[in-house]
Amino acid sequence: MPVKIRLARHGRKRNAYYHIVVADSRSPRDGRFIERIGAYNPITNPATIELDFDKALLWLNKGAQPTDTTKNILSENGVLMKKHLLEGVKKGAFDEAEAERRFNAWKQEKAAKLQAKIEKINSKSNNELAEKLKAETKVKEARAAEIAKKNAEAAAAEAAQPEAAAEEVAEEATEAAAEDVAPEAAEGTEQEA
């Protein structure tokens, strides 16, 4: 029975996550499997990988063949590196203590790279957020200046308007006074006649 280590898709449309399973190569992708050894979520940045290291190593030593994607996942987590080092121990190239030392050094280097990547992503998102905040502040200041300009124009118009209104009131008063004087003069001429 040819055994594969592969991904089984779960989740909803455009939001997939995967189970890492050991299955018969003839069974369907999301069908029957022998054992679930982990999970993989490519949506997060960096991708989240949960893997039972010992079970994956055990299945690889038994002869299970990983698919291309799972091979990359296993390589990322060091399963293939550990298998390679154990084969070197079997051949007598070095002892088991040396293999553990090499594996731990590789694992620390990998963890440092992952931490650097996470810090880079965080700093990039913080920089983008700061740039958006600056742009929004500029827009806010421009709007505030525009509103202040309109308010100043309205205040100037109101200040000019009372003067014009006072002039109009004065003109109306003089016209009314002239009209009041005119009828009295007209009455006086009628009385004389």
N, C-alpha and C. Protein backbone atom coordinates (compact mmCIF):
# COMPACT_ATOMS: atom_id res chain seq x y z
N MET A 1 0.85 -1.18 0.00
CA MET A 1 0.00 0.00 0.00
C MET A 1 0.89 1.24 0.00
N PRO A 2 0.85 2.04 -1.09
CA PRO A 2 1.66 3.26 -1.13
C PRO A 2 1.06 4.33 -0.21
N VAL A 3 1.88 4.78 0.73
CA VAL A 3 1.41 5.75 1.72
C VAL A 3 2.00 7.12 1.39
N LYS A 4 1.14 8.15 1.52
CA LYS A 4 1.55 9.53 1.24
C LYS A 4 1.31 10.38 2.48
N ILE A 5 2.15 11.37 2.65
CA ILE A 5 1.90 12.44 3.62
C ILE A 5 1.43 13.62 2.79
N ARG A 6 0.19 14.04 3.03
CA ARG A 6 -0.38 15.08 2.18
C ARG A 6 -1.33 15.98 2.97
N LEU A 7 -1.88 16.96 2.27
CA LEU A 7 -2.80 17.91 2.90
C LEU A 7 -4.25 17.52 2.60
N ALA A 8 -5.10 17.68 3.60
CA ALA A 8 -6.55 17.50 3.43
C ALA A 8 -7.18 18.86 3.68
N ARG A 9 -7.92 19.36 2.68
CA ARG A 9 -8.47 20.72 2.75
C ARG A 9 -9.69 20.78 3.66
N HIS A 10 -9.74 21.84 4.48
CA HIS A 10 -10.89 22.13 5.33
C HIS A 10 -11.13 23.63 5.28
N GLY A 11 -12.19 24.07 5.92
CA GLY A 11 -12.50 25.49 5.94
C GLY A 11 -13.49 25.84 4.86
N ARG A 12 -13.75 27.13 4.73
CA ARG A 12 -14.73 27.57 3.75
C ARG A 12 -14.05 28.19 2.54
N LYS A 13 -14.86 28.60 1.61
CA LYS A 13 -14.36 29.18 0.37
C LYS A 13 -13.49 30.40 0.66
N ARG A 14 -12.33 30.48 0.03
CA ARG A 14 -11.34 31.55 0.19
C ARG A 14 -10.79 31.69 1.61
N ASN A 15 -11.04 30.71 2.45
CA ASN A 15 -10.50 30.74 3.82
C ASN A 15 -10.13 29.32 4.22
N ALA A 16 -9.28 28.71 3.44
CA ALA A 16 -8.94 27.30 3.64
C ALA A 16 -7.84 27.13 4.67
N TYR A 17 -7.93 26.04 5.40
CA TYR A 17 -6.83 25.57 6.22
C TYR A 17 -6.73 24.07 5.96
N TYR A 18 -5.62 23.48 6.30
CA TYR A 18 -5.36 22.10 5.91
C TYR A 18 -4.94 21.26 7.10
N HIS A 19 -5.32 19.99 7.04
CA HIS A 19 -4.79 19.00 7.99
C HIS A 19 -3.67 18.26 7.27
N ILE A 20 -2.60 18.01 7.97
CA ILE A 20 -1.51 17.21 7.40
C ILE A 20 -1.79 15.78 7.82
N VAL A 21 -2.03 14.92 6.83
CA VAL A 21 -2.45 13.55 7.12
C VAL A 21 -1.55 12.54 6.42
N VAL A 22 -1.52 11.34 6.99
CA VAL A 22 -0.88 10.20 6.35
C VAL A 22 -2.02 9.37 5.80
N ALA A 23 -2.02 9.15 4.48
CA ALA A 23 -3.15 8.46 3.84
C ALA A 23 -2.67 7.56 2.72
N ASP A 24 -3.52 6.62 2.39
CA ASP A 24 -3.28 5.77 1.23
C ASP A 24 -3.37 6.67 0.00
N SER A 25 -2.46 6.55 -0.92
CA SER A 25 -2.44 7.43 -2.09
C SER A 25 -3.66 7.24 -2.99
N ARG A 26 -4.36 6.11 -2.85
CA ARG A 26 -5.53 5.86 -3.69
C ARG A 26 -6.80 6.47 -3.11
N SER A 27 -6.78 6.89 -1.85
CA SER A 27 -7.99 7.48 -1.26
C SER A 27 -8.12 8.94 -1.70
N PRO A 28 -9.34 9.48 -1.71
CA PRO A 28 -9.53 10.87 -2.16
C PRO A 28 -8.85 11.89 -1.24
N ARG A 29 -8.67 13.08 -1.76
CA ARG A 29 -7.92 14.13 -1.04
C ARG A 29 -8.47 14.38 0.36
N ASP A 30 -9.78 14.57 0.48
CA ASP A 30 -10.38 14.86 1.78
C ASP A 30 -11.03 13.62 2.38
N GLY A 31 -10.70 12.45 1.84
CA GLY A 31 -11.33 11.21 2.27
C GLY A 31 -10.63 10.55 3.44
N ARG A 32 -10.68 9.24 3.40
CA ARG A 32 -10.15 8.43 4.50
C ARG A 32 -8.64 8.61 4.63
N PHE A 33 -8.16 8.64 5.86
CA PHE A 33 -6.73 8.75 6.11
C PHE A 33 -6.35 7.82 7.25
N ILE A 34 -5.07 7.55 7.35
CA ILE A 34 -4.56 6.65 8.39
C ILE A 34 -4.36 7.40 9.70
N GLU A 35 -3.67 8.56 9.63
CA GLU A 35 -3.39 9.31 10.84
C GLU A 35 -3.22 10.79 10.51
N ARG A 36 -3.71 11.64 11.40
CA ARG A 36 -3.52 13.09 11.26
C ARG A 36 -2.30 13.47 12.10
N ILE A 37 -1.33 14.13 11.44
CA ILE A 37 -0.09 14.46 12.16
C ILE A 37 0.11 15.96 12.32
N GLY A 38 -0.80 16.79 11.82
CA GLY A 38 -0.61 18.23 11.99
C GLY A 38 -1.65 19.05 11.28
N ALA A 39 -1.43 20.35 11.30
CA ALA A 39 -2.32 21.31 10.64
C ALA A 39 -1.48 22.41 10.00
N TYR A 40 -2.03 23.02 8.95
CA TYR A 40 -1.33 24.06 8.20
C TYR A 40 -2.33 25.14 7.84
N ASN A 41 -2.04 26.39 8.21
CA ASN A 41 -2.91 27.52 7.88
C ASN A 41 -2.11 28.54 7.09
N PRO A 42 -2.33 28.59 5.76
CA PRO A 42 -1.56 29.52 4.92
C PRO A 42 -2.08 30.95 4.95
N ILE A 43 -3.24 31.19 5.56
CA ILE A 43 -3.84 32.52 5.57
C ILE A 43 -3.03 33.48 6.45
N THR A 44 -2.51 33.00 7.57
CA THR A 44 -1.75 33.87 8.46
C THR A 44 -0.40 34.22 7.85
N ASN A 45 0.20 35.30 8.34
CA ASN A 45 1.50 35.70 7.82
C ASN A 45 2.46 35.84 8.98
N PRO A 46 3.48 35.02 9.13
CA PRO A 46 3.82 33.84 8.35
C PRO A 46 2.84 32.70 8.60
N ALA A 47 2.83 31.73 7.70
CA ALA A 47 1.89 30.61 7.79
C ALA A 47 2.06 29.85 9.10
N THR A 48 0.92 29.44 9.67
CA THR A 48 0.93 28.71 10.93
C THR A 48 1.03 27.21 10.65
N ILE A 49 2.01 26.57 11.26
CA ILE A 49 2.20 25.13 11.07
C ILE A 49 2.26 24.46 12.43
N GLU A 50 1.35 23.51 12.65
CA GLU A 50 1.38 22.68 13.85
C GLU A 50 1.69 21.27 13.37
N LEU A 51 2.74 20.67 13.90
CA LEU A 51 3.16 19.37 13.40
C LEU A 51 3.65 18.51 14.55
N ASP A 52 3.19 17.25 14.55
CA ASP A 52 3.71 16.27 15.52
C ASP A 52 5.02 15.74 14.92
N PHE A 53 6.11 16.31 15.39
CA PHE A 53 7.43 16.05 14.82
C PHE A 53 7.78 14.57 14.82
N ASP A 54 7.55 13.90 15.97
CA ASP A 54 7.94 12.49 16.10
C ASP A 54 7.15 11.58 15.17
N LYS A 55 5.84 11.85 15.04
CA LYS A 55 5.02 11.01 14.15
C LYS A 55 5.42 11.22 12.70
N ALA A 56 5.70 12.46 12.33
CA ALA A 56 6.12 12.74 10.96
C ALA A 56 7.43 12.04 10.64
N LEU A 57 8.37 12.09 11.57
CA LEU A 57 9.65 11.42 11.39
C LEU A 57 9.47 9.90 11.30
N LEU A 58 8.60 9.37 12.15
CA LEU A 58 8.32 7.94 12.15
C LEU A 58 7.76 7.49 10.79
N TRP A 59 6.78 8.25 10.27
CA TRP A 59 6.18 7.88 8.98
C TRP A 59 7.18 8.02 7.84
N LEU A 60 8.03 9.04 7.88
CA LEU A 60 9.07 9.17 6.85
C LEU A 60 10.04 7.99 6.89
N ASN A 61 10.41 7.56 8.09
CA ASN A 61 11.31 6.41 8.23
C ASN A 61 10.65 5.11 7.78
N LYS A 62 9.32 5.05 7.89
CA LYS A 62 8.59 3.86 7.42
C LYS A 62 8.45 3.84 5.90
N GLY A 63 8.72 4.99 5.25
CA GLY A 63 8.68 5.00 3.79
C GLY A 63 7.55 5.83 3.20
N ALA A 64 6.82 6.57 3.99
CA ALA A 64 5.75 7.42 3.46
C ALA A 64 6.37 8.54 2.62
N GLN A 65 5.76 8.82 1.48
CA GLN A 65 6.27 9.83 0.57
C GLN A 65 5.47 11.13 0.72
N PRO A 66 6.14 12.23 1.03
CA PRO A 66 5.41 13.49 1.15
C PRO A 66 5.15 14.10 -0.23
N THR A 67 4.02 14.80 -0.35
CA THR A 67 3.77 15.56 -1.58
C THR A 67 4.67 16.79 -1.57
N ASP A 68 4.69 17.55 -2.66
CA ASP A 68 5.59 18.69 -2.76
C ASP A 68 5.35 19.71 -1.64
N THR A 69 4.09 20.05 -1.42
CA THR A 69 3.78 21.05 -0.38
C THR A 69 4.12 20.54 1.00
N THR A 70 3.77 19.30 1.30
CA THR A 70 4.09 18.77 2.62
C THR A 70 5.59 18.57 2.79
N LYS A 71 6.29 18.32 1.70
CA LYS A 71 7.74 18.21 1.78
C LYS A 71 8.34 19.55 2.21
N ASN A 72 7.80 20.66 1.66
CA ASN A 72 8.25 21.99 2.06
C ASN A 72 7.92 22.26 3.53
N ILE A 73 6.74 21.84 3.97
CA ILE A 73 6.34 22.03 5.37
C ILE A 73 7.25 21.23 6.29
N LEU A 74 7.50 19.97 5.94
CA LEU A 74 8.38 19.13 6.76
C LEU A 74 9.80 19.68 6.79
N SER A 75 10.26 20.21 5.67
CA SER A 75 11.58 20.80 5.61
C SER A 75 11.65 22.05 6.49
N GLU A 76 10.59 22.85 6.45
CA GLU A 76 10.52 24.07 7.26
C GLU A 76 10.62 23.77 8.75
N ASN A 77 10.01 22.66 9.16
CA ASN A 77 10.01 22.29 10.58
C ASN A 77 11.20 21.42 10.97
N GLY A 78 12.03 21.03 10.03
CA GLY A 78 13.25 20.31 10.36
C GLY A 78 13.11 18.80 10.37
N VAL A 79 11.98 18.26 9.96
CA VAL A 79 11.80 16.81 9.97
C VAL A 79 12.75 16.16 8.96
N LEU A 80 12.85 16.75 7.78
CA LEU A 80 13.73 16.18 6.76
C LEU A 80 15.20 16.32 7.17
N MET A 81 15.53 17.41 7.84
CA MET A 81 16.91 17.60 8.34
C MET A 81 17.25 16.53 9.37
N LYS A 82 16.32 16.28 10.28
CA LYS A 82 16.53 15.26 11.32
C LYS A 82 16.69 13.88 10.68
N LYS A 83 15.85 13.58 9.68
CA LYS A 83 15.94 12.29 8.99
C LYS A 83 17.31 12.15 8.31
N HIS A 84 17.75 13.22 7.68
CA HIS A 84 19.05 13.22 7.01
C HIS A 84 20.19 12.97 8.01
N LEU A 85 20.11 13.63 9.15
CA LEU A 85 21.16 13.45 10.18
C LEU A 85 21.14 12.03 10.76
N LEU A 86 19.94 11.47 10.95
CA LEU A 86 19.85 10.11 11.47
C LEU A 86 20.40 9.09 10.48
N GLU A 87 20.22 9.36 9.18
CA GLU A 87 20.81 8.48 8.17
C GLU A 87 22.34 8.57 8.21
N GLY A 88 22.87 9.76 8.49
CA GLY A 88 24.32 9.91 8.64
C GLY A 88 24.84 9.14 9.84
N VAL A 89 24.05 9.08 10.91
CA VAL A 89 24.44 8.31 12.09
C VAL A 89 24.45 6.82 11.76
N LYS A 90 23.42 6.37 11.00
CA LYS A 90 23.35 4.95 10.61
C LYS A 90 24.56 4.56 9.77
N LYS A 91 25.01 5.46 8.90
CA LYS A 91 26.14 5.17 8.03
C LYS A 91 27.47 5.29 8.76
N GLY A 92 27.46 5.90 9.95
CA GLY A 92 28.69 6.03 10.72
C GLY A 92 29.48 7.28 10.41
N ALA A 93 28.88 8.26 9.77
CA ALA A 93 29.59 9.50 9.44
C ALA A 93 29.89 10.30 10.71
N PHE A 94 29.00 10.27 11.67
CA PHE A 94 29.19 10.93 12.96
C PHE A 94 28.28 10.26 13.98
N ASP A 95 28.49 10.59 15.24
CA ASP A 95 27.69 9.94 16.29
C ASP A 95 26.38 10.71 16.54
N GLU A 96 25.54 10.15 17.39
CA GLU A 96 24.22 10.71 17.64
C GLU A 96 24.30 12.06 18.36
N ALA A 97 25.27 12.25 19.23
CA ALA A 97 25.44 13.53 19.93
C ALA A 97 25.76 14.65 18.94
N GLU A 98 26.62 14.34 17.97
CA GLU A 98 26.95 15.32 16.93
C GLU A 98 25.72 15.66 16.09
N ALA A 99 24.92 14.65 15.79
CA ALA A 99 23.69 14.88 15.03
C ALA A 99 22.75 15.80 15.79
N GLU A 100 22.60 15.58 17.08
CA GLU A 100 21.74 16.44 17.91
C GLU A 100 22.28 17.86 17.96
N ARG A 101 23.60 18.00 18.08
CA ARG A 101 24.21 19.32 18.12
C ARG A 101 23.96 20.08 16.83
N ARG A 102 24.13 19.40 15.70
CA ARG A 102 23.90 20.03 14.39
C ARG A 102 22.43 20.41 14.22
N PHE A 103 21.57 19.50 14.66
CA PHE A 103 20.14 19.78 14.52
C PHE A 103 19.73 20.97 15.38
N ASN A 104 20.22 21.05 16.60
CA ASN A 104 19.88 22.17 17.49
C ASN A 104 20.42 23.49 16.95
N ALA A 105 21.63 23.46 16.37
CA ALA A 105 22.19 24.68 15.77
C ALA A 105 21.33 25.12 14.60
N TRP A 106 20.91 24.17 13.76
CA TRP A 106 20.05 24.49 12.62
C TRP A 106 18.71 25.06 13.09
N LYS A 107 18.17 24.44 14.14
CA LYS A 107 16.87 24.88 14.67
C LYS A 107 16.95 26.31 15.23
N GLN A 108 18.03 26.64 15.93
CA GLN A 108 18.20 28.00 16.46
C GLN A 108 18.33 29.02 15.34
N GLU A 109 19.06 28.65 14.30
CA GLU A 109 19.21 29.54 13.14
C GLU A 109 17.86 29.78 12.47
N LYS A 110 17.09 28.72 12.34
CA LYS A 110 15.77 28.82 11.71
C LYS A 110 14.83 29.69 12.56
N ALA A 111 14.89 29.52 13.88
CA ALA A 111 14.04 30.32 14.79
C ALA A 111 14.42 31.79 14.71
N ALA A 112 15.71 32.08 14.60
CA ALA A 112 16.17 33.47 14.48
C ALA A 112 15.65 34.10 13.19
N LYS A 113 15.69 33.35 12.08
CA LYS A 113 15.17 33.85 10.80
C LYS A 113 13.68 34.12 10.89
N LEU A 114 12.95 33.20 11.53
CA LEU A 114 11.51 33.36 11.67
C LEU A 114 11.19 34.59 12.52
N GLN A 115 11.92 34.78 13.59
CA GLN A 115 11.70 35.93 14.47
C GLN A 115 12.00 37.23 13.71
N ALA A 116 13.07 37.23 12.91
CA ALA A 116 13.41 38.41 12.11
C ALA A 116 12.30 38.72 11.11
N LYS A 117 11.75 37.68 10.51
CA LYS A 117 10.65 37.88 9.56
C LYS A 117 9.43 38.47 10.25
N ILE A 118 9.10 37.96 11.42
CA ILE A 118 7.95 38.47 12.17
C ILE A 118 8.16 39.93 12.54
N GLU A 119 9.37 40.27 13.01
CA GLU A 119 9.67 41.66 13.37
C GLU A 119 9.60 42.57 12.15
N LYS A 120 10.07 42.08 11.00
CA LYS A 120 10.01 42.87 9.77
C LYS A 120 8.56 43.13 9.38
N ILE A 121 7.71 42.12 9.48
CA ILE A 121 6.30 42.28 9.14
C ILE A 121 5.64 43.28 10.08
N ASN A 122 5.94 43.16 11.39
CA ASN A 122 5.36 44.07 12.37
C ASN A 122 5.82 45.51 12.15
N SER A 123 7.11 45.70 11.88
CA SER A 123 7.60 47.06 11.66
C SER A 123 7.02 47.64 10.37
N LYS A 124 6.87 46.80 9.36
CA LYS A 124 6.28 47.27 8.11
C LYS A 124 4.84 47.70 8.32
N SER A 125 4.07 46.89 9.07
CA SER A 125 2.68 47.26 9.32
C SER A 125 2.60 48.51 10.18
N ASN A 126 3.52 48.66 11.16
CA ASN A 126 3.54 49.88 11.97
C ASN A 126 3.88 51.10 11.14
N ASN A 127 4.84 50.96 10.20
CA ASN A 127 5.20 52.08 9.32
C ASN A 127 4.03 52.45 8.41
N GLU A 128 3.35 51.46 7.87
CA GLU A 128 2.19 51.73 7.02
C GLU A 128 1.10 52.44 7.81
N LEU A 129 0.89 52.01 9.05
CA LEU A 129 -0.10 52.64 9.90
C LEU A 129 0.27 54.08 10.19
N ALA A 130 1.55 54.34 10.46
CA ALA A 130 2.00 55.70 10.73
C ALA A 130 1.83 56.59 9.49
N GLU A 131 2.13 56.04 8.31
CA GLU A 131 1.95 56.80 7.07
C GLU A 131 0.49 57.12 6.82
N LYS A 132 -0.39 56.16 7.08
CA LYS A 132 -1.82 56.40 6.92
C LYS A 132 -2.28 57.49 7.89
N LEU A 133 -1.77 57.43 9.11
CA LEU A 133 -2.13 58.42 10.12
C LEU A 133 -1.68 59.81 9.70
N LYS A 134 -0.45 59.92 9.16
CA LYS A 134 0.04 61.22 8.67
C LYS A 134 -0.83 61.74 7.53
N ALA A 135 -1.19 60.85 6.60
CA ALA A 135 -2.02 61.26 5.47
C ALA A 135 -3.39 61.73 5.96
N GLU A 136 -3.97 61.00 6.91
CA GLU A 136 -5.26 61.39 7.45
C GLU A 136 -5.17 62.72 8.20
N THR A 137 -4.05 62.93 8.89
CA THR A 137 -3.85 64.19 9.61
C THR A 137 -3.76 65.36 8.62
N LYS A 138 -3.05 65.16 7.51
CA LYS A 138 -2.95 66.20 6.50
C LYS A 138 -4.34 66.53 5.93
N VAL A 139 -5.12 65.49 5.64
CA VAL A 139 -6.47 65.70 5.11
C VAL A 139 -7.32 66.44 6.14
N LYS A 140 -7.19 66.04 7.40
CA LYS A 140 -7.96 66.68 8.47
C LYS A 140 -7.58 68.15 8.60
N GLU A 141 -6.27 68.46 8.55
CA GLU A 141 -5.81 69.84 8.63
C GLU A 141 -6.30 70.65 7.44
N ALA A 142 -6.27 70.06 6.25
CA ALA A 142 -6.75 70.76 5.06
C ALA A 142 -8.24 71.06 5.19
N ARG A 143 -9.01 70.10 5.67
CA ARG A 143 -10.45 70.33 5.87
C ARG A 143 -10.68 71.41 6.93
N ALA A 144 -9.91 71.36 8.01
CA ALA A 144 -10.06 72.36 9.07
C ALA A 144 -9.73 73.75 8.54
N ALA A 145 -8.68 73.87 7.71
CA ALA A 145 -8.31 75.16 7.13
C ALA A 145 -9.41 75.65 6.20
N GLU A 146 -9.98 74.75 5.43
CA GLU A 146 -11.06 75.11 4.51
C GLU A 146 -12.29 75.59 5.28
N ILE A 147 -12.62 74.87 6.35
CA ILE A 147 -13.77 75.26 7.17
C ILE A 147 -13.51 76.61 7.85
N ALA A 148 -12.28 76.82 8.35
CA ALA A 148 -11.93 78.10 8.97
C ALA A 148 -12.03 79.23 7.96
N LYS A 149 -11.60 78.97 6.74
CA LYS A 149 -11.69 79.99 5.69
C LYS A 149 -13.14 80.34 5.40
N LYS A 150 -14.00 79.34 5.30
CA LYS A 150 -15.43 79.58 5.05
C LYS A 150 -16.05 80.34 6.22
N ASN A 151 -15.68 79.96 7.44
CA ASN A 151 -16.21 80.65 8.62
C ASN A 151 -15.74 82.11 8.65
N ALA A 152 -14.50 82.37 8.28
CA ALA A 152 -13.97 83.74 8.24
C ALA A 152 -14.71 84.55 7.18
N GLU A 153 -14.96 83.94 6.02
CA GLU A 153 -15.71 84.63 4.97
C GLU A 153 -17.12 84.93 5.44
N ALA A 154 -17.75 83.98 6.12
CA ALA A 154 -19.11 84.19 6.62
C ALA A 154 -19.13 85.29 7.68
N ALA A 155 -18.13 85.30 8.56
CA ALA A 155 -18.05 86.33 9.59
C ALA A 155 -17.82 87.70 8.96
N ALA A 156 -16.97 87.76 7.94
CA ALA A 156 -16.72 89.03 7.25
C ALA A 156 -17.99 89.50 6.55
N ALA A 157 -18.72 88.57 5.97
CA ALA A 157 -19.98 88.92 5.31
C ALA A 157 -20.98 89.43 6.31
N GLU A 158 -21.03 88.79 7.49
CA GLU A 158 -21.95 89.25 8.54
C GLU A 158 -21.52 90.62 9.06
N ALA A 159 -20.22 90.84 9.19
CA ALA A 159 -19.73 92.14 9.66
C ALA A 159 -20.03 93.22 8.65
N ALA A 160 -19.90 92.91 7.39
CA ALA A 160 -20.21 93.87 6.34
C ALA A 160 -21.72 94.06 6.23
N GLN A 161 -22.44 93.03 6.50
CA GLN A 161 -23.90 93.09 6.37
C GLN A 161 -24.53 94.04 7.38
N PRO A 162 -24.13 94.09 8.66
CA PRO A 162 -24.73 95.07 9.57
C PRO A 162 -24.47 96.51 9.12
N GLU A 163 -23.28 96.77 8.56
CA GLU A 163 -23.02 98.11 8.06
C GLU A 163 -23.96 98.41 6.90
N ALA A 164 -24.11 97.44 6.00
CA ALA A 164 -25.03 97.64 4.87
C ALA A 164 -26.46 97.74 5.38
N ALA A 165 -26.78 96.93 6.38
CA ALA A 165 -28.13 96.98 6.95
C ALA A 165 -28.35 98.32 7.64
N ALA A 166 -27.33 98.82 8.33
CA ALA A 166 -27.46 100.13 8.99
C ALA A 166 -27.65 101.21 7.94
N GLU A 167 -26.90 101.10 6.83
CA GLU A 167 -27.07 102.08 5.75
C GLU A 167 -28.47 101.99 5.17
N GLU A 168 -28.94 100.74 4.98
CA GLU A 168 -30.29 100.55 4.44
C GLU A 168 -31.34 101.11 5.40
N VAL A 169 -31.16 100.85 6.71
CA VAL A 169 -32.09 101.37 7.71
C VAL A 169 -32.07 102.90 7.70
N ALA A 170 -30.88 103.46 7.57
CA ALA A 170 -30.77 104.91 7.53
C ALA A 170 -31.45 105.46 6.29
N GLU A 171 -31.25 104.79 5.15
CA GLU A 171 -31.89 105.23 3.91
C GLU A 171 -33.41 105.12 4.03
N GLU A 172 -33.86 104.00 4.61
CA GLU A 172 -35.30 103.82 4.79
C GLU A 172 -35.86 104.88 5.74
N ALA A 173 -35.12 105.20 6.78
CA ALA A 173 -35.58 106.22 7.74
C ALA A 173 -35.66 107.58 7.05
N THR A 174 -34.67 107.91 6.24
CA THR A 174 -34.72 109.20 5.54
C THR A 174 -35.84 109.22 4.53
N GLU A 175 -36.06 108.09 3.87
CA GLU A 175 -37.18 108.03 2.92
C GLU A 175 -38.51 108.16 3.65
N ALA A 176 -38.63 107.48 4.79
CA ALA A 176 -39.87 107.55 5.57
C ALA A 176 -40.07 108.96 6.10
N ALA A 177 -38.98 109.58 6.51
CA ALA A 177 -39.10 110.96 7.01
C ALA A 177 -39.49 111.88 5.88
N ALA A 178 -38.93 111.64 4.72
CA ALA A 178 -39.26 112.48 3.56
C ALA A 178 -40.72 112.27 3.19
N GLU A 179 -41.19 111.03 3.28
CA GLU A 179 -42.59 110.76 2.95
C GLU A 179 -43.51 111.40 3.99
N ASP A 180 -43.08 111.37 5.26
CA ASP A 180 -43.88 112.01 6.31
C ASP A 180 -43.94 113.52 6.09
N VAL A 181 -42.85 114.10 5.69
CA VAL A 181 -42.82 115.53 5.45
C VAL A 181 -43.62 115.86 4.20
N ALA A 182 -43.54 115.04 3.20
CA ALA A 182 -44.23 115.30 1.94
C ALA A 182 -45.74 115.31 2.13
N PRO A 183 -46.36 114.35 2.86
CA PRO A 183 -47.81 114.44 3.02
C PRO A 183 -48.23 115.67 3.83
N GLU A 184 -47.44 116.06 4.82
CA GLU A 184 -47.79 117.23 5.61
C GLU A 184 -47.75 118.47 4.74
N ALA A 185 -46.75 118.54 3.86
CA ALA A 185 -46.65 119.68 2.96
C ALA A 185 -47.82 119.68 1.99
N ALA A 186 -48.21 118.47 1.58
CA ALA A 186 -49.35 118.37 0.66
C ALA A 186 -50.62 118.81 1.38
N GLU A 187 -50.79 118.48 2.63
CA GLU A 187 -51.96 118.88 3.41
C GLU A 187 -51.98 120.39 3.59
N GLY A 188 -50.81 120.94 3.84
CA GLY A 188 -50.72 122.39 4.02
C GLY A 188 -51.11 123.14 2.77
N THR A 189 -50.79 122.63 1.61
CA THR A 189 -51.16 123.28 0.36
C THR A 189 -52.63 123.12 0.09
N GLU A 190 -53.22 122.06 0.55
CA GLU A 190 -54.66 121.87 0.36
C GLU A 190 -55.43 122.83 1.26
N GLN A 191 -54.96 123.04 2.45
CA GLN A 191 -55.64 123.92 3.39
C GLN A 191 -55.57 125.36 2.88
N GLU A 192 -54.54 125.76 2.30
CA GLU A 192 -54.41 127.11 1.76
C GLU A 192 -55.34 127.32 0.59
N ALA A 193 -55.62 126.28 -0.14
CA ALA A 193 -56.46 126.47 -1.31
C ALA A 193 -57.87 126.44 -0.96
